[in-house]
N, C-alpha and C. Protein backbone atom coordinates (compact mmCIF):
# COMPACT_ATOMS: atom_id res chain seq x y z
N MET A 1 -21.68 -14.09 -8.65
CA MET A 1 -21.50 -12.67 -9.14
C MET A 1 -21.12 -11.69 -7.65
N ALA A 2 -21.67 -12.30 -6.42
CA ALA A 2 -20.16 -12.15 -5.25
C ALA A 2 -18.80 -12.24 -5.07
N ARG A 3 -18.86 -13.39 -5.35
CA ARG A 3 -17.76 -14.00 -5.54
C ARG A 3 -16.68 -13.65 -6.33
N VAL A 4 -17.11 -13.03 -7.50
CA VAL A 4 -16.13 -12.15 -8.55
C VAL A 4 -15.92 -10.99 -7.84
N LEU A 5 -16.84 -10.15 -7.25
CA LEU A 5 -16.82 -8.80 -7.06
C LEU A 5 -15.54 -8.54 -6.06
N VAL A 6 -16.11 -10.08 -4.59
CA VAL A 6 -14.80 -9.88 -3.56
C VAL A 6 -13.29 -10.17 -4.51
N ILE A 7 -13.37 -10.57 -5.45
CA ILE A 7 -11.88 -11.02 -5.43
C ILE A 7 -11.67 -10.11 -6.08
N LEU A 8 -12.63 -9.57 -7.18
CA LEU A 8 -11.83 -7.93 -7.62
C LEU A 8 -11.59 -7.14 -7.24
N TRP A 9 -12.66 -7.05 -5.85
CA TRP A 9 -11.98 -6.04 -4.72
C TRP A 9 -10.27 -6.08 -3.88
N PHE A 10 -10.30 -7.91 -3.96
CA PHE A 10 -9.20 -7.93 -3.27
C PHE A 10 -8.19 -7.59 -4.25
N ALA A 11 -8.18 -7.85 -5.53
CA ALA A 11 -7.10 -7.78 -6.53
C ALA A 11 -6.81 -6.70 -6.73
N ILE A 12 -7.95 -5.48 -6.75
CA ILE A 12 -7.75 -4.33 -6.74
C ILE A 12 -7.22 -3.41 -5.68
N SER A 13 -7.51 -3.86 -4.21
CA SER A 13 -6.97 -3.69 -3.32
C SER A 13 -5.32 -4.00 -3.08
N PHE A 14 -5.15 -5.00 -3.20
CA PHE A 14 -3.83 -5.46 -3.34
C PHE A 14 -2.98 -4.62 -4.18
N SER A 15 -3.40 -4.44 -5.55
CA SER A 15 -2.39 -3.74 -6.37
C SER A 15 -2.82 -2.49 -5.84
N ASN A 16 -3.29 -1.37 -5.79
CA ASN A 16 -3.83 -0.38 -5.38
C ASN A 16 -2.54 -0.68 -3.95
N ALA A 17 -2.14 -0.79 -3.08
CA ALA A 17 -1.24 -0.55 -2.07
C ALA A 17 0.12 -1.08 -2.71
N VAL A 18 0.35 -1.84 -3.31
CA VAL A 18 1.38 -2.31 -3.96
C VAL A 18 2.16 -1.36 -5.04
N LEU A 19 1.32 -1.24 -6.12
CA LEU A 19 1.64 0.02 -6.72
C LEU A 19 2.02 1.64 -5.97
N GLY A 20 1.11 1.68 -5.27
CA GLY A 20 1.39 3.06 -4.96
C GLY A 20 2.60 3.02 -3.55
N ASN A 21 2.82 1.93 -2.82
CA ASN A 21 4.45 1.90 -2.62
C ASN A 21 5.18 1.71 -3.64
N PHE A 22 5.16 1.33 -4.56
CA PHE A 22 6.35 1.20 -5.63
C PHE A 22 6.15 2.90 -6.15
N ALA A 23 5.22 3.31 -6.31
CA ALA A 23 5.43 5.08 -7.01
C ALA A 23 6.00 5.88 -5.66
N LEU A 24 5.62 5.44 -4.66
CA LEU A 24 6.49 6.07 -2.94
C LEU A 24 7.54 5.88 -3.58
N VAL A 25 8.22 5.35 -3.59
CA VAL A 25 9.62 4.42 -3.57
C VAL A 25 10.10 5.35 -4.40
N VAL A 26 10.06 5.32 -6.17
CA VAL A 26 10.56 5.80 -7.07
C VAL A 26 10.57 7.32 -6.80
N TRP A 27 9.57 7.84 -6.74
CA TRP A 27 9.25 9.29 -6.37
C TRP A 27 10.12 10.06 -5.32
N LEU A 28 10.63 9.10 -4.36
CA LEU A 28 11.46 9.61 -3.28
C LEU A 28 13.46 9.06 -3.52
N ARG A 29 13.11 7.87 -4.87
CA ARG A 29 14.72 8.09 -5.22
C ARG A 29 14.97 8.89 -6.15
N VAL A 30 13.81 9.17 -7.17
CA VAL A 30 14.33 10.87 -7.57
C VAL A 30 14.62 11.84 -6.89
N ARG A 31 14.01 11.40 -5.74
CA ARG A 31 14.55 12.94 -5.02
C ARG A 31 15.49 13.04 -4.27
N GLY A 32 16.48 11.66 -4.34
CA GLY A 32 17.82 11.84 -3.82
C GLY A 32 17.52 10.79 -2.51
N VAL A 33 16.59 10.59 -1.84
CA VAL A 33 16.49 9.52 -0.48
C VAL A 33 16.95 8.05 -1.04
N ARG A 34 17.69 7.84 -0.20
CA ARG A 34 18.64 6.02 -0.44
C ARG A 34 17.96 5.59 0.88
N PHE A 35 17.73 3.98 0.45
CA PHE A 35 17.75 3.22 1.40
C PHE A 35 18.13 2.18 0.90
N PRO A 36 17.95 1.17 1.74
CA PRO A 36 18.27 -0.31 1.14
C PRO A 36 17.28 -1.24 0.37
N HIS A 37 17.72 -1.35 -0.58
CA HIS A 37 16.65 -2.69 -1.50
C HIS A 37 15.38 -3.22 -0.83
N SER A 38 15.88 -3.71 0.21
CA SER A 38 15.62 -4.71 0.66
C SER A 38 13.99 -4.29 1.98
N SER A 39 14.89 -2.78 1.72
CA SER A 39 13.32 -2.40 2.45
C SER A 39 12.25 -1.35 1.79
N ALA A 40 12.25 -1.51 0.18
CA ALA A 40 11.64 -0.58 -0.60
C ALA A 40 10.50 -1.30 -0.37
N GLY A 41 10.07 -2.84 -0.43
CA GLY A 41 9.13 -3.82 -0.03
C GLY A 41 7.87 -3.72 1.13
N ASN A 42 8.81 -2.42 2.21
CA ASN A 42 7.86 -2.45 3.50
C ASN A 42 7.33 -0.78 3.00
N PRO A 43 6.05 -1.31 3.36
CA PRO A 43 5.20 0.16 3.42
C PRO A 43 5.41 1.12 4.45
N GLY A 44 5.33 0.45 5.83
CA GLY A 44 5.84 1.37 6.64
C GLY A 44 7.16 2.03 6.96
N TYR A 45 8.34 1.57 6.42
CA TYR A 45 9.41 2.20 5.93
C TYR A 45 9.38 2.95 5.42
N VAL A 46 9.17 2.53 4.10
CA VAL A 46 8.30 4.43 3.09
C VAL A 46 8.04 5.27 3.42
N LEU A 47 7.29 4.65 4.34
CA LEU A 47 6.42 5.93 5.19
C LEU A 47 7.30 6.73 5.59
N ASN A 48 7.84 6.03 6.74
CA ASN A 48 8.61 6.78 7.36
C ASN A 48 9.80 7.78 6.97
N ARG A 49 10.47 6.69 5.45
CA ARG A 49 11.05 7.55 5.25
C ARG A 49 10.82 9.35 4.08
N TYR A 50 9.22 8.92 3.83
CA TYR A 50 8.49 9.92 2.99
C TYR A 50 8.18 11.02 3.83
N ARG A 51 8.03 10.72 5.33
CA ARG A 51 7.69 11.45 6.40
C ARG A 51 9.16 12.21 7.29
N ASP A 52 9.78 11.41 6.59
CA ASP A 52 11.25 12.55 6.78
C ASP A 52 11.70 13.21 5.77
N TRP A 53 11.41 13.22 4.77
CA TRP A 53 11.72 13.73 3.37
C TRP A 53 10.85 15.02 3.50
N CYS A 54 9.43 14.81 3.84
CA CYS A 54 8.22 15.87 3.64
C CYS A 54 9.47 16.71 5.29
N GLU A 55 9.23 16.46 6.44
CA GLU A 55 9.70 17.10 7.26
C GLU A 55 11.40 17.74 6.99
N GLN A 56 12.21 17.27 6.25
CA GLN A 56 13.01 18.38 5.84
C GLN A 56 12.78 19.26 4.75
N HIS A 57 11.71 19.47 3.94
CA HIS A 57 11.51 20.41 2.85
C HIS A 57 10.03 20.99 3.77
N ASP A 58 9.82 20.93 4.81
CA ASP A 58 8.86 21.91 5.55
C ASP A 58 7.24 21.46 4.68
N LEU A 59 7.60 20.49 4.14
CA LEU A 59 6.08 20.06 3.88
C LEU A 59 5.32 18.82 4.59
N SER A 60 3.86 18.87 4.28
CA SER A 60 2.89 17.79 5.15
C SER A 60 2.91 16.22 4.22
N ALA A 61 3.28 15.87 5.13
CA ALA A 61 2.88 14.19 4.60
C ALA A 61 1.79 13.47 4.83
N ARG A 62 0.93 14.40 5.50
CA ARG A 62 -0.20 13.62 6.27
C ARG A 62 -1.19 13.22 4.91
N ARG A 63 -1.46 13.93 4.13
CA ARG A 63 -2.54 13.38 2.33
C ARG A 63 -1.83 11.97 2.35
N VAL A 64 -0.85 11.73 2.07
CA VAL A 64 -0.08 10.69 1.14
C VAL A 64 0.07 9.35 2.64
N VAL A 65 0.45 9.46 4.02
CA VAL A 65 0.26 8.56 4.57
C VAL A 65 -1.00 8.17 5.16
N ILE A 66 -2.54 8.90 5.24
CA ILE A 66 -3.87 8.20 5.01
C ILE A 66 -4.09 7.71 4.04
N TYR A 67 -3.99 8.32 2.70
CA TYR A 67 -3.77 7.09 1.97
C TYR A 67 -3.29 5.85 1.64
N SER A 68 -2.22 5.78 1.97
CA SER A 68 -1.46 4.57 2.63
C SER A 68 -2.13 3.87 3.38
N TYR A 69 -2.72 4.43 4.55
CA TYR A 69 -3.34 3.67 5.72
C TYR A 69 -4.26 3.14 4.76
N PHE A 70 -5.39 3.82 4.69
CA PHE A 70 -6.42 3.38 4.35
C PHE A 70 -6.30 2.03 2.90
N SER A 71 -5.41 2.38 2.07
CA SER A 71 -4.91 1.36 1.39
C SER A 71 -4.61 -0.10 1.65
N ILE A 72 -4.19 -0.29 3.02
CA ILE A 72 -3.38 -1.26 3.66
C ILE A 72 -4.52 -1.69 4.37
N ILE A 73 -5.33 -0.99 4.95
CA ILE A 73 -6.41 -0.99 5.56
C ILE A 73 -7.87 -2.26 4.47
N ASP A 74 -7.86 -1.26 3.27
CA ASP A 74 -8.21 -2.11 2.54
C ASP A 74 -8.13 -3.33 1.94
N VAL A 75 -6.81 -3.67 2.16
CA VAL A 75 -6.39 -4.76 1.57
C VAL A 75 -6.95 -6.24 2.98
N LEU A 76 -6.52 -5.44 4.06
CA LEU A 76 -6.50 -6.17 5.27
C LEU A 76 -8.47 -6.42 5.60
N LEU A 77 -9.00 -5.62 5.49
CA LEU A 77 -10.34 -6.25 4.73
C LEU A 77 -10.44 -7.48 3.84
N SER A 78 -9.97 -6.84 2.86
CA SER A 78 -10.91 -7.83 1.84
C SER A 78 -10.27 -9.16 2.15
N SER A 79 -8.72 -9.36 2.13
CA SER A 79 -8.23 -10.50 2.41
C SER A 79 -8.80 -11.66 2.88
N PRO A 80 -9.09 -11.82 3.98
CA PRO A 80 -9.66 -12.66 4.67
C PRO A 80 -11.19 -13.39 3.65
N ILE A 81 -12.12 -12.13 3.31
CA ILE A 81 -13.24 -12.81 2.79
C ILE A 81 -12.68 -13.75 0.98
N ALA A 82 -11.92 -13.09 0.92
CA ALA A 82 -11.08 -13.20 -0.50
C ALA A 82 -10.79 -14.82 -0.39
N ILE A 83 -9.70 -14.79 0.80
CA ILE A 83 -9.11 -16.09 1.20
C ILE A 83 -10.63 -17.63 1.67
N LEU A 84 -11.39 -17.06 2.27
CA LEU A 84 -12.63 -18.19 2.49
C LEU A 84 -13.12 -18.49 1.05
N ILE A 85 -13.13 -17.47 0.18
CA ILE A 85 -14.25 -17.56 -0.78
C ILE A 85 -12.95 -18.64 -2.07
N LEU A 86 -11.44 -18.28 -2.34
CA LEU A 86 -11.23 -18.76 -2.72
C LEU A 86 -10.45 -20.58 -2.51
N ALA A 87 -10.88 -20.71 -1.22
CA ALA A 87 -10.23 -21.86 -0.25
C ALA A 87 -11.50 -22.65 -0.66
N GLY A 88 -12.88 -22.16 -1.17
CA GLY A 88 -14.05 -23.18 -1.07
C GLY A 88 -15.13 -23.21 0.04
N GLY A 89 -14.84 -21.89 0.74
CA GLY A 89 -15.60 -21.74 2.11
C GLY A 89 -16.96 -21.42 2.30
N HIS A 90 -17.01 -20.84 0.76
CA HIS A 90 -18.41 -20.25 0.25
C HIS A 90 -18.81 -20.18 -0.65
N HIS A 91 -20.06 -20.51 -1.01
CA HIS A 91 -20.58 -21.26 -2.79
C HIS A 91 -21.93 -20.24 -2.61
């Protein structure tokens, strides 16, 4: 049961980080922010563009940036455990 929970944790945290970044990319593009398509998958680049947009519009980027950081940390915490389980290191 613990194996399933860890793999589920990893899948949800990874999906959350990827979908959150995708949503932010779409949100920025709707607001006219342009950047190379190849950079859209880089969360750090997208967050910097979001921060720039917020500064230009006198808004705070803090909540979205903190949420994104926690999403990335969640993936980093769940990854090694999920890899060990999937590799057969824990039975």
